[in-house]
PDB file of N, CA and C in Angstrom:
ATOM      1  N   VAL A   1     100.631  95.817  89.344  1.00  0.00           N
ATOM      2  CA  VAL A   1     100.646  96.861  88.566  1.00  0.00           C
ATOM      3  C   VAL A   1     101.623  98.087  88.889  1.00  0.00           C
ATOM      4  N   GLN A   2     102.223  98.428  87.917  1.00  0.00           N
ATOM      5  CA  GLN A   2     103.312  99.214  87.786  1.00  0.00           C
ATOM      6  C   GLN A   2     102.541 100.519  86.871  1.00  0.00           C
ATOM      7  N   LEU A   3     102.778 101.911  87.319  1.00  0.00           N
ATOM      8  CA  LEU A   3     102.621 103.088  86.450  1.00  0.00           C
ATOM      9  C   LEU A   3     103.884 103.712  86.006  1.00  0.00           C
ATOM     10  N   GLN A   4     103.627 104.063  84.917  1.00  0.00           N
ATOM     11  CA  GLN A   4     104.617 104.955  84.215  1.00  0.00           C
ATOM     12  C   GLN A   4     104.138 106.257  83.969  1.00  0.00           C
ATOM     13  N   ALA A   5     104.493 107.455  84.500  1.00  0.00           N
ATOM     14  CA  ALA A   5     103.804 108.732  84.366  1.00  0.00           C
ATOM     15  C   ALA A   5     105.117 109.402  83.107  1.00  0.00           C
ATOM     16  N   SER A   6     104.056 110.221  82.256  1.00  0.00           N
ATOM     17  CA  SER A   6     105.202 110.856  81.191  1.00  0.00           C
ATOM     18  C   SER A   6     104.478 112.262  80.865  1.00  0.00           C
ATOM     19  N   GLY A   7     105.249 113.030  80.102  1.00  0.00           N
ATOM     20  CA  GLY A   7     104.408 114.191  79.383  1.00  0.00           C
ATOM     21  C   GLY A   7     104.971 115.362  80.362  1.00  0.00           C
ATOM     22  N   GLY A   8     105.727 115.456  81.209  1.00  0.00           N
ATOM     23  CA  GLY A   8     106.156 116.634  81.785  1.00  0.00           C
ATOM     24  C   GLY A   8     107.166 117.237  80.995  1.00  0.00           C
ATOM     25  N   GLY A   9     107.455 118.514  81.560  1.00  0.00           N
ATOM     26  CA  GLY A   9     108.329 119.435  80.451  1.00  0.00           C
ATOM     27  C   GLY A   9     108.382 120.937  81.055  1.00  0.00           C
ATOM     28  N   LEU A  10     108.983 121.636  80.319  1.00  0.00           N
ATOM     29  CA  LEU A  10     108.969 123.216  80.509  1.00  0.00           C
ATOM     30  C   LEU A  10     107.963 123.779  79.483  1.00  0.00           C
ATOM     31  N   VAL A  11     107.232 124.782  80.204  1.00  0.00           N
ATOM     32  CA  VAL A  11     106.241 125.389  79.443  1.00  0.00           C
ATOM     33  C   VAL A  11     106.061 126.890  79.979  1.00  0.00           C
ATOM     34  N   GLN A  12     105.799 127.810  78.869  1.00  0.00           N
ATOM     35  CA  GLN A  12     105.487 129.025  79.436  1.00  0.00           C
ATOM     36  C   GLN A  12     104.404 129.208  80.284  1.00  0.00           C
ATOM     37  N   ALA A  13     104.207 130.070  80.913  1.00  0.00           N
ATOM     38  CA  ALA A  13     102.688 130.395  81.598  1.00  0.00           C
ATOM     39  C   ALA A  13     101.755 130.613  80.712  1.00  0.00           C
ATOM     40  N   GLY A  14     100.675 130.070  80.808  1.00  0.00           N
ATOM     41  CA  GLY A  14      99.471 130.183  79.900  1.00  0.00           C
ATOM     42  C   GLY A  14      99.672 129.053  78.863  1.00  0.00           C
ATOM     43  N   GLY A  15     100.414 128.179  78.905  1.00  0.00           N
ATOM     44  CA  GLY A  15     100.542 127.109  78.098  1.00  0.00           C
ATOM     45  C   GLY A  15     100.062 125.975  78.525  1.00  0.00           C
ATOM     46  N   SER A  16     100.039 124.867  77.855  1.00  0.00           N
ATOM     47  CA  SER A  16      99.356 123.720  78.056  1.00  0.00           C
ATOM     48  C   SER A  16     100.238 122.441  78.057  1.00  0.00           C
ATOM     49  N   LEU A  17     100.058 121.362  78.722  1.00  0.00           N
ATOM     50  CA  LEU A  17     100.646 120.232  78.749  1.00  0.00           C
ATOM     51  C   LEU A  17      99.582 118.899  79.056  1.00  0.00           C
ATOM     52  N   ARG A  18     100.057 117.964  78.397  1.00  0.00           N
ATOM     53  CA  ARG A  18      99.057 116.659  78.569  1.00  0.00           C
ATOM     54  C   ARG A  18     100.211 115.529  79.274  1.00  0.00           C
ATOM     55  N   LEU A  19      99.619 115.335  80.785  1.00  0.00           N
ATOM     56  CA  LEU A  19     100.555 114.060  81.155  1.00  0.00           C
ATOM     57  C   LEU A  19      99.874 112.844  80.932  1.00  0.00           C
ATOM     58  N   SER A  20     100.645 111.716  80.849  1.00  0.00           N
ATOM     59  CA  SER A  20      99.892 110.305  80.609  1.00  0.00           C
ATOM     60  C   SER A  20     100.447 109.272  82.073  1.00  0.00           C
ATOM     61  N   CYS A  21      99.647 108.581  82.238  1.00  0.00           N
ATOM     62  CA  CYS A  21      99.992 107.634  83.274  1.00  0.00           C
ATOM     63  C   CYS A  21      99.605 106.231  82.712  1.00  0.00           C
ATOM     64  N   ALA A  22     100.388 105.665  82.443  1.00  0.00           N
ATOM     65  CA  ALA A  22     100.324 104.113  81.907  1.00  0.00           C
ATOM     66  C   ALA A  22     100.406 102.909  82.750  1.00  0.00           C
ATOM     67  N   ALA A  23      99.141 102.087  82.758  1.00  0.00           N
ATOM     68  CA  ALA A  23      99.259 100.929  83.614  1.00  0.00           C
ATOM     69  C   ALA A  23      99.868  99.581  83.032  1.00  0.00           C
ATOM     70  N   SER A  24     100.479  98.963  83.874  1.00  0.00           N
ATOM     71  CA  SER A  24     100.908  97.616  83.319  1.00  0.00           C
ATOM     72  C   SER A  24     100.150  96.407  82.985  1.00  0.00           C
ATOM     73  N   GLU A  25      99.037  96.809  83.685  1.00  0.00           N
ATOM     74  CA  GLU A  25      97.959  95.635  83.736  1.00  0.00           C
ATOM     75  C   GLU A  25      96.547  96.063  83.767  1.00  0.00           C
ATOM     76  N   ASP A  26      95.567  95.118  83.437  1.00  0.00           N
ATOM     77  CA  ASP A  26      94.083  95.729  83.141  1.00  0.00           C
ATOM     78  C   ASP A  26      93.486  95.861  84.456  1.00  0.00           C
ATOM     79  N   ARG A  27      94.204  95.510  85.427  1.00  0.00           N
ATOM     80  CA  ARG A  27      93.547  95.568  86.664  1.00  0.00           C
ATOM     81  C   ARG A  27      93.486  97.430  86.790  1.00  0.00           C
ATOM     82  N   PHE A  28      94.190  98.204  86.107  1.00  0.00           N
ATOM     83  CA  PHE A  28      93.871  99.592  86.007  1.00  0.00           C
ATOM     84  C   PHE A  28      92.505 100.004  85.930  1.00  0.00           C
ATOM     85  N   ARG A  29      91.650  99.472  85.219  1.00  0.00           N
ATOM     86  CA  ARG A  29      90.272  99.616  85.274  1.00  0.00           C
ATOM     87  C   ARG A  29      89.172  99.427  86.602  1.00  0.00           C
ATOM     88  N   ASP A  30      90.049  98.784  87.309  1.00  0.00           N
ATOM     89  CA  ASP A  30      89.156  98.333  88.667  1.00  0.00           C
ATOM     90  C   ASP A  30      89.274  99.313  89.700  1.00  0.00           C
ATOM     91  N   SER A  31      90.091 100.459  89.396  1.00  0.00           N
ATOM     92  CA  SER A  31      90.636 101.230  90.363  1.00  0.00           C
ATOM     93  C   SER A  31      90.370 102.989  89.889  1.00  0.00           C
ATOM     94  N   SER A  32      89.803 103.725  91.084  1.00  0.00           N
ATOM     95  CA  SER A  32      90.020 105.287  90.973  1.00  0.00           C
ATOM     96  C   SER A  32      91.426 105.626  90.636  1.00  0.00           C
ATOM     97  N   VAL A  33      91.402 106.600  89.803  1.00  0.00           N
ATOM     98  CA  VAL A  33      92.937 107.218  89.578  1.00  0.00           C
ATOM     99  C   VAL A  33      93.223 108.508  89.917  1.00  0.00           C
ATOM    100  N   GLY A  34      94.024 109.081  90.295  1.00  0.00           N
ATOM    101  CA  GLY A  34      94.345 110.522  90.777  1.00  0.00           C
ATOM    102  C   GLY A  34      95.589 110.896  90.513  1.00  0.00           C
ATOM    103  N   TRP A  35      95.703 112.070  90.264  1.00  0.00           N
ATOM    104  CA  TRP A  35      97.155 113.026  90.129  1.00  0.00           C
ATOM    105  C   TRP A  35      97.215 113.794  91.373  1.00  0.00           C
ATOM    106  N   TYR A  36      98.662 113.635  91.853  1.00  0.00           N
ATOM    107  CA  TYR A  36      99.223 114.365  92.738  1.00  0.00           C
ATOM    108  C   TYR A  36     100.210 115.456  92.419  1.00  0.00           C
ATOM    109  N   ARG A  37     100.684 116.205  92.951  1.00  0.00           N
ATOM    110  CA  ARG A  37     101.842 117.027  93.007  1.00  0.00           C
ATOM    111  C   ARG A  37     102.584 117.386  93.985  1.00  0.00           C
ATOM    112  N   GLN A  38     103.824 117.627  93.850  1.00  0.00           N
ATOM    113  CA  GLN A  38     104.737 117.818  95.007  1.00  0.00           C
ATOM    114  C   GLN A  38     105.758 119.177  94.630  1.00  0.00           C
ATOM    115  N   ALA A  39     105.463 120.267  94.740  1.00  0.00           N
ATOM    116  CA  ALA A  39     106.337 121.467  94.369  1.00  0.00           C
ATOM    117  C   ALA A  39     107.480 121.432  95.337  1.00  0.00           C
ATOM    118  N   PRO A  40     108.512 122.201  95.004  1.00  0.00           N
ATOM    119  CA  PRO A  40     109.799 122.063  95.731  1.00  0.00           C
ATOM    120  C   PRO A  40     109.538 122.827  97.118  1.00  0.00           C
ATOM    121  N   GLY A  41     110.253 121.967  98.151  1.00  0.00           N
ATOM    122  CA  GLY A  41     109.835 122.474  99.533  1.00  0.00           C
ATOM    123  C   GLY A  41     108.448 122.195 100.166  1.00  0.00           C
ATOM    124  N   LYS A  42     107.521 121.787  99.251  1.00  0.00           N
ATOM    125  CA  LYS A  42     106.155 121.517  99.802  1.00  0.00           C
ATOM    126  C   LYS A  42     105.648 120.081 100.196  1.00  0.00           C
ATOM    127  N   LEU A  43     104.724 119.570 100.760  1.00  0.00           N
ATOM    128  CA  LEU A  43     104.181 118.623 100.808  1.00  0.00           C
ATOM    129  C   LEU A  43     103.316 118.132  99.634  1.00  0.00           C
ATOM    130  N   ARG A  44     103.456 116.907  99.148  1.00  0.00           N
ATOM    131  CA  ARG A  44     102.491 116.373  98.175  1.00  0.00           C
ATOM    132  C   ARG A  44     101.114 116.681  98.310  1.00  0.00           C
ATOM    133  N   GLU A  45     100.475 117.220  97.511  1.00  0.00           N
ATOM    134  CA  GLU A  45      99.060 117.419  97.504  1.00  0.00           C
ATOM    135  C   GLU A  45      98.123 116.787  96.387  1.00  0.00           C
ATOM    136  N   TRP A  46      97.127 116.808  96.600  1.00  0.00           N
ATOM    137  CA  TRP A  46      96.094 116.000  95.525  1.00  0.00           C
ATOM    138  C   TRP A  46      95.590 117.100  94.728  1.00  0.00           C
ATOM    139  N   VAL A  47      95.303 116.632  93.399  1.00  0.00           N
ATOM    140  CA  VAL A  47      95.176 117.528  92.401  1.00  0.00           C
ATOM    141  C   VAL A  47      93.638 117.124  91.900  1.00  0.00           C
ATOM    142  N   THR A  48      93.677 115.818  91.370  1.00  0.00           N
ATOM    143  CA  THR A  48      92.422 115.221  90.860  1.00  0.00           C
ATOM    144  C   THR A  48      91.956 113.764  91.108  1.00  0.00           C
ATOM    145  N   THR A  49      90.853 113.523  90.787  1.00  0.00           N
ATOM    146  CA  THR A  49      90.765 112.193  90.604  1.00  0.00           C
ATOM    147  C   THR A  49      89.527 111.561  89.738  1.00  0.00           C
ATOM    148  N   PHE A  50      89.630 110.657  89.137  1.00  0.00           N
ATOM    149  CA  PHE A  50      88.793 109.970  88.134  1.00  0.00           C
ATOM    150  C   PHE A  50      88.014 108.718  88.943  1.00  0.00           C
ATOM    151  N   ALA A  51      87.075 108.723  89.478  1.00  0.00           N
ATOM    152  CA  ALA A  51      86.504 107.439  90.186  1.00  0.00           C
ATOM    153  C   ALA A  51      86.210 106.372  89.359  1.00  0.00           C
ATOM    154  N   ILE A  52      85.887 105.510  89.812  1.00  0.00           N
ATOM    155  CA  ILE A  52      85.917 104.173  88.898  1.00  0.00           C
ATOM    156  C   ILE A  52      84.333 104.319  88.229  1.00  0.00           C
ATOM    157  N   GLY A  53      83.368 104.897  88.987  1.00  0.00           N
ATOM    158  CA  GLY A  53      82.227 105.128  88.487  1.00  0.00           C
ATOM    159  C   GLY A  53      81.998 106.362  87.449  1.00  0.00           C
ATOM    160  N   GLY A  54      83.229 107.150  87.088  1.00  0.00           N
ATOM    161  CA  GLY A  54      83.072 108.287  86.320  1.00  0.00           C
ATOM    162  C   GLY A  54      82.983 109.716  86.907  1.00  0.00           C
ATOM    163  N   ALA A  55      82.825 109.448  88.028  1.00  0.00           N
ATOM    164  CA  ALA A  55      82.965 110.993  88.628  1.00  0.00           C
ATOM    165  C   ALA A  55      84.369 111.468  88.696  1.00  0.00           C
ATOM    166  N   THR A  56      84.265 112.817  88.701  1.00  0.00           N
ATOM    167  CA  THR A  56      85.660 113.419  88.482  1.00  0.00           C
ATOM    168  C   THR A  56      85.722 114.779  89.839  1.00  0.00           C
ATOM    169  N   ASN A  57      86.619 114.895  90.291  1.00  0.00           N
ATOM    170  CA  ASN A  57      86.870 116.024  91.566  1.00  0.00           C
ATOM    171  C   ASN A  57      88.311 116.658  91.378  1.00  0.00           C
ATOM    172  N   TYR A  58      88.078 118.097  91.519  1.00  0.00           N
ATOM    173  CA  TYR A  58      89.435 118.851  91.518  1.00  0.00           C
ATOM    174  C   TYR A  58      89.754 119.615  92.382  1.00  0.00           C
ATOM    175  N   ALA A  59      90.975 119.821  92.811  1.00  0.00           N
ATOM    176  CA  ALA A  59      91.560 120.682  93.681  1.00  0.00           C
ATOM    177  C   ALA A  59      91.012 122.109  93.355  1.00  0.00           C
ATOM    178  N   ASP A  60      90.667 123.105  94.282  1.00  0.00           N
ATOM    179  CA  ASP A  60      90.254 124.361  94.041  1.00  0.00           C
ATOM    180  C   ASP A  60      91.476 124.997  92.907  1.00  0.00           C
ATOM    181  N   SER A  61      92.392 124.830  93.330  1.00  0.00           N
ATOM    182  CA  SER A  61      93.449 125.346  92.632  1.00  0.00           C
ATOM    183  C   SER A  61      93.801 125.229  91.086  1.00  0.00           C
ATOM    184  N   VAL A  62      93.117 124.120  90.652  1.00  0.00           N
ATOM    185  CA  VAL A  62      93.198 123.522  89.291  1.00  0.00           C
ATOM    186  C   VAL A  62      92.035 123.639  88.501  1.00  0.00           C
ATOM    187  N   LYS A  63      90.852 123.787  89.296  1.00  0.00           N
ATOM    188  CA  LYS A  63      89.347 123.714  88.762  1.00  0.00           C
ATOM    189  C   LYS A  63      89.402 124.584  87.620  1.00  0.00           C
ATOM    190  N   GLY A  64      88.687 124.063  86.336  1.00  0.00           N
ATOM    191  CA  GLY A  64      88.411 124.744  85.406  1.00  0.00           C
ATOM    192  C   GLY A  64      89.708 125.051  84.411  1.00  0.00           C
ATOM    193  N   ARG A  65      90.870 124.394  84.674  1.00  0.00           N
ATOM    194  CA  ARG A  65      92.174 124.460  84.015  1.00  0.00           C
ATOM    195  C   ARG A  65      92.668 123.137  83.732  1.00  0.00           C
ATOM    196  N   PHE A  66      92.344 122.225  84.792  1.00  0.00           N
ATOM    197  CA  PHE A  66      92.917 120.907  84.274  1.00  0.00           C
ATOM    198  C   PHE A  66      91.588 120.087  84.221  1.00  0.00           C
ATOM    199  N   THR A  67      91.942 118.782  83.382  1.00  0.00           N
ATOM    200  CA  THR A  67      90.923 117.910  83.109  1.00  0.00           C
ATOM    201  C   THR A  67      91.367 116.452  83.114  1.00  0.00           C
ATOM    202  N   ILE A  68      91.111 115.709  84.039  1.00  0.00           N
ATOM    203  CA  ILE A  68      91.701 114.355  84.091  1.00  0.00           C
ATOM    204  C   ILE A  68      90.548 113.677  83.081  1.00  0.00           C
ATOM    205  N   SER A  69      91.242 112.233  82.583  1.00  0.00           N
ATOM    206  CA  SER A  69      90.302 111.559  81.641  1.00  0.00           C
ATOM    207  C   SER A  69      91.211 110.370  81.766  1.00  0.00           C
ATOM    208  N   ARG A  70      90.491 109.178  81.274  1.00  0.00           N
ATOM    209  CA  ARG A  70      91.182 108.002  81.207  1.00  0.00           C
ATOM    210  C   ARG A  70      90.519 107.127  80.162  1.00  0.00           C
ATOM    211  N   ASP A  71      91.539 105.950  79.406  1.00  0.00           N
ATOM    212  CA  ASP A  71      90.889 105.096  78.629  1.00  0.00           C
ATOM    213  C   ASP A  71      91.386 103.873  79.104  1.00  0.00           C
ATOM    214  N   ASN A  72      90.246 103.142  79.462  1.00  0.00           N
ATOM    215  CA  ASN A  72      90.640 101.730  80.140  1.00  0.00           C
ATOM    216  C   ASN A  72      91.165 100.836  79.338  1.00  0.00           C
ATOM    217  N   ALA A  73      90.701 101.110  77.725  1.00  0.00           N
ATOM    218  CA  ALA A  73      91.219 100.378  76.837  1.00  0.00           C
ATOM    219  C   ALA A  73      92.893 100.198  76.769  1.00  0.00           C
ATOM    220  N   LYS A  74      93.085 101.470  76.855  1.00  0.00           N
ATOM    221  CA  LYS A  74      94.653 101.613  76.735  1.00  0.00           C
ATOM    222  C   LYS A  74      95.299 101.526  78.221  1.00  0.00           C
ATOM    223  N   ASN A  75      94.692 101.309  79.398  1.00  0.00           N
ATOM    224  CA  ASN A  75      95.039 101.406  80.854  1.00  0.00           C
ATOM    225  C   ASN A  75      95.767 102.576  80.985  1.00  0.00           C
ATOM    226  N   THR A  76      95.262 103.637  80.630  1.00  0.00           N
ATOM    227  CA  THR A  76      95.897 104.893  80.759  1.00  0.00           C
ATOM    228  C   THR A  76      95.146 106.045  81.257  1.00  0.00           C
ATOM    229  N   ALA A  77      95.754 106.820  82.206  1.00  0.00           N
ATOM    230  CA  ALA A  77      94.918 107.956  82.701  1.00  0.00           C
ATOM    231  C   ALA A  77      95.576 109.447  82.087  1.00  0.00           C
ATOM    232  N   TYR A  78      94.829 110.292  81.878  1.00  0.00           N
ATOM    233  CA  TYR A  78      95.713 111.555  81.387  1.00  0.00           C
ATOM    234  C   TYR A  78      95.382 112.733  82.160  1.00  0.00           C
ATOM    235  N   LEU A  79      96.105 113.680  81.892  1.00  0.00           N
ATOM    236  CA  LEU A  79      95.620 115.072  82.740  1.00  0.00           C
ATOM    237  C   LEU A  79      96.194 116.000  81.998  1.00  0.00           C
ATOM    238  N   LEU A  80      95.201 116.813  81.485  1.00  0.00           N
ATOM    239  CA  LEU A  80      95.259 117.999  80.319  1.00  0.00           C
ATOM    240  C   LEU A  80      95.408 119.108  81.373  1.00  0.00           C
ATOM    241  N   MET A  81      96.465 119.863  81.148  1.00  0.00           N
ATOM    242  CA  MET A  81      96.566 121.336  81.917  1.00  0.00           C
ATOM    243  C   MET A  81      96.792 122.271  81.104  1.00  0.00           C
ATOM    244  N   ASN A  82      95.889 123.227  81.206  1.00  0.00           N
ATOM    245  CA  ASN A  82      95.707 124.357  80.289  1.00  0.00           C
ATOM    246  C   ASN A  82      95.844 125.467  81.227  1.00  0.00           C
ATOM    247  N   ASN A  83      96.261 126.813  80.577  1.00  0.00           N
ATOM    248  CA  ASN A  83      96.626 128.130  81.257  1.00  0.00           C
ATOM    249  C   ASN A  83      97.340 127.837  82.411  1.00  0.00           C
ATOM    250  N   LEU A  84      98.481 126.968  82.249  1.00  0.00           N
ATOM    251  CA  LEU A  84      99.339 126.919  83.277  1.00  0.00           C
ATOM    252  C   LEU A  84     100.037 128.039  83.941  1.00  0.00           C
ATOM    253  N   LYS A  85     100.232 128.030  85.237  1.00  0.00           N
ATOM    254  CA  LYS A  85     100.908 129.037  85.815  1.00  0.00           C
ATOM    255  C   LYS A  85     101.971 128.497  86.861  1.00  0.00           C
ATOM    256  N   PRO A  86     102.844 129.761  86.882  1.00  0.00           N
ATOM    257  CA  PRO A  86     104.112 129.204  87.520  1.00  0.00           C
ATOM    258  C   PRO A  86     103.887 128.328  88.794  1.00  0.00           C
ATOM    259  N   GLU A  87     103.068 128.715  89.639  1.00  0.00           N
ATOM    260  CA  GLU A  87     102.611 127.869  90.889  1.00  0.00           C
ATOM    261  C   GLU A  87     102.326 126.457  90.646  1.00  0.00           C
ATOM    262  N   ASP A  88     102.122 126.167  89.281  1.00  0.00           N
ATOM    263  CA  ASP A  88     101.798 124.575  89.143  1.00  0.00           C
ATOM    264  C   ASP A  88     102.929 124.129  89.018  1.00  0.00           C
ATOM    265  N   THR A  89     104.038 124.512  88.988  1.00  0.00           N
ATOM    266  CA  THR A  89     105.643 123.998  88.774  1.00  0.00           C
ATOM    267  C   THR A  89     105.493 122.879  89.855  1.00  0.00           C
ATOM    268  N   ALA A  90     105.751 121.703  89.497  1.00  0.00           N
ATOM    269  CA  ALA A  90     105.797 120.416  90.497  1.00  0.00           C
ATOM    270  C   ALA A  90     106.141 119.196  89.682  1.00  0.00           C
ATOM    271  N   VAL A  91     106.715 118.266  90.597  1.00  0.00           N
ATOM    272  CA  VAL A  91     106.680 117.010  90.185  1.00  0.00           C
ATOM    273  C   VAL A  91     105.061 116.137  90.153  1.00  0.00           C
ATOM    274  N   TYR A  92     104.755 115.622  89.188  1.00  0.00           N
ATOM    275  CA  TYR A  92     103.074 115.140  89.299  1.00  0.00           C
ATOM    276  C   TYR A  92     103.133 113.831  89.391  1.00  0.00           C
ATOM    277  N   TYR A  93     102.355 113.160  90.325  1.00  0.00           N
ATOM    278  CA  TYR A  93     102.428 111.760  90.274  1.00  0.00           C
ATOM    279  C   TYR A  93     100.958 111.098  90.167  1.00  0.00           C
ATOM    280  N   CYS A  94     100.970 110.130  89.516  1.00  0.00           N
ATOM    281  CA  CYS A  94      99.333 109.352  89.334  1.00  0.00           C
ATOM    282  C   CYS A  94      99.673 108.219  90.251  1.00  0.00           C
ATOM    283  N   ARG A  95      98.454 108.007  90.885  1.00  0.00           N
ATOM    284  CA  ARG A  95      98.106 107.033  91.722  1.00  0.00           C
ATOM    285  C   ARG A  95      96.833 106.137  91.427  1.00  0.00           C
ATOM    286  N   LEU A  96      96.956 104.838  91.731  1.00  0.00           N
ATOM    287  CA  LEU A  96      95.908 104.072  91.770  1.00  0.00           C
ATOM    288  C   LEU A  96      95.354 103.717  93.160  1.00  0.00           C
ATOM    289  N   PHE A  97      94.179 104.163  93.338  1.00  0.00           N
ATOM    290  CA  PHE A  97      93.885 104.006  94.927  1.00  0.00           C
ATOM    291  C   PHE A  97      93.649 102.563  95.248  1.00  0.00           C
ATOM    292  N   LYS A  98      92.772 102.086  94.597  1.00  0.00           N
ATOM    293  CA  LYS A  98      92.540 100.694  95.152  1.00  0.00           C
ATOM    294  C   LYS A  98      93.724  99.784  95.721  1.00  0.00           C
ATOM    295  N   PHE A  99      94.954  99.782  94.823  1.00  0.00           N
ATOM    296  CA  PHE A  99      95.930  99.306  95.184  1.00  0.00           C
ATOM    297  C   PHE A  99      97.254 100.074  95.689  1.00  0.00           C
ATOM    298  N   ASN A 100      96.832 101.273  96.060  1.00  0.00           N
ATOM    299  CA  ASN A 100      97.802 102.286  96.790  1.00  0.00           C
ATOM    300  C   ASN A 100      99.241 102.273  96.015  1.00  0.00           C
ATOM    301  N   ILE A 101      99.061 102.255  94.535  1.00  0.00           N
ATOM    302  CA  ILE A 101     100.292 102.517  93.766  1.00  0.00           C
ATOM    303  C   ILE A 101     100.458 103.510  93.201  1.00  0.00           C
ATOM    304  N   TRP A 102     101.762 104.220  93.262  1.00  0.00           N
ATOM    305  CA  TRP A 102     102.038 105.312  92.668  1.00  0.00           C
ATOM    306  C   TRP A 102     102.960 105.379  91.482  1.00  0.00           C
ATOM    307  N   GLY A 103     102.783 106.038  90.304  1.00  0.00           N
ATOM    308  CA  GLY A 103     103.837 106.189  89.600  1.00  0.00           C
ATOM    309  C   GLY A 103     105.156 106.981  89.966  1.00  0.00           C
ATOM    310  N   GLN A 104     106.035 107.203  89.096  1.00  0.00           N
ATOM    311  CA  GLN A 104     107.442 107.845  89.550  1.00  0.00           C
ATOM    312  C   GLN A 104     107.543 109.217  89.284  1.00  0.00           C
ATOM    313  N   GLY A 105     106.664 110.004  88.773  1.00  0.00           N
ATOM    314  CA  GLY A 105     106.720 111.304  88.829  1.00  0.00           C
ATOM    315  C   GLY A 105     107.122 111.680  87.589  1.00  0.00           C
ATOM    316  N   THR A 106     106.417 112.855  87.047  1.00  0.00           N
ATOM    317  CA  THR A 106     107.020 113.557  85.909  1.00  0.00           C
ATOM    318  C   THR A 106     106.798 115.024  86.154  1.00  0.00           C
ATOM    319  N   LEU A 107     108.260 115.700  86.003  1.00  0.00           N
ATOM    320  CA  LEU A 107     108.309 117.211  86.153  1.00  0.00           C
ATOM    321  C   LEU A 107     107.804 118.170  85.404  1.00  0.00           C
ATOM    322  N   VAL A 108     107.090 119.190  85.866  1.00  0.00           N
ATOM    323  CA  VAL A 108     106.178 119.977  85.025  1.00  0.00           C
ATOM    324  C   VAL A 108     106.957 121.344  85.626  1.00  0.00           C
ATOM    325  N   THR A 109     107.470 122.088  84.668  1.00  0.00           N
ATOM    326  CA  THR A 109     108.170 123.579  85.047  1.00  0.00           C
ATOM    327  C   THR A 109     107.536 124.491  84.112  1.00  0.00           C
ATOM    328  N   VAL A 110     106.849 125.603  84.893  1.00  0.00           N
ATOM    329  CA  VAL A 110     106.052 126.621  84.186  1.00  0.00           C
ATOM    330  C   VAL A 110     106.792 127.873  84.448  1.00  0.00           C
ATOM    331  N   SER A 111     107.377 128.308  83.428  1.00  0.00           N
ATOM    332  CA  SER A 111     108.130 129.736  83.437  1.00  0.00           C
ATOM    333  C   SER A 111     107.191 130.693  83.342  1.00  0.00           C
ATOM    334  N   SER A 112     107.646 131.783  83.858  1.00  0.00           N
ATOM    335  CA  SER A 112     106.664 133.100  83.978  1.00  0.00           C
ATOM    336  C   SER A 112     107.142 134.099  82.676  1.00  0.00           C
TER     337      SER A 112
END
């Protein structure tokens, strides 16, 4: 399985972006999926997970602003990011947990 992340870009603080993570195979639906991010000079951190059973979890820093979803018919996960802040600036990666597969990352830059 391969993952292709997209949707990053430059946005002003308070704006929104939607990231996509498209999987190459139907095995996508057999795994929980998550998003991580890595800011410049920092370690990669977990952002959110959409479990295979439907439960979602969020890091405290994004709770209430970010929403993860998935469309198994399209083998795609999404991350809707609202009310973006400069501290959300990072490369965002998606991950399929069961196969420990990562997407290539998409850069989100939030200007103040």
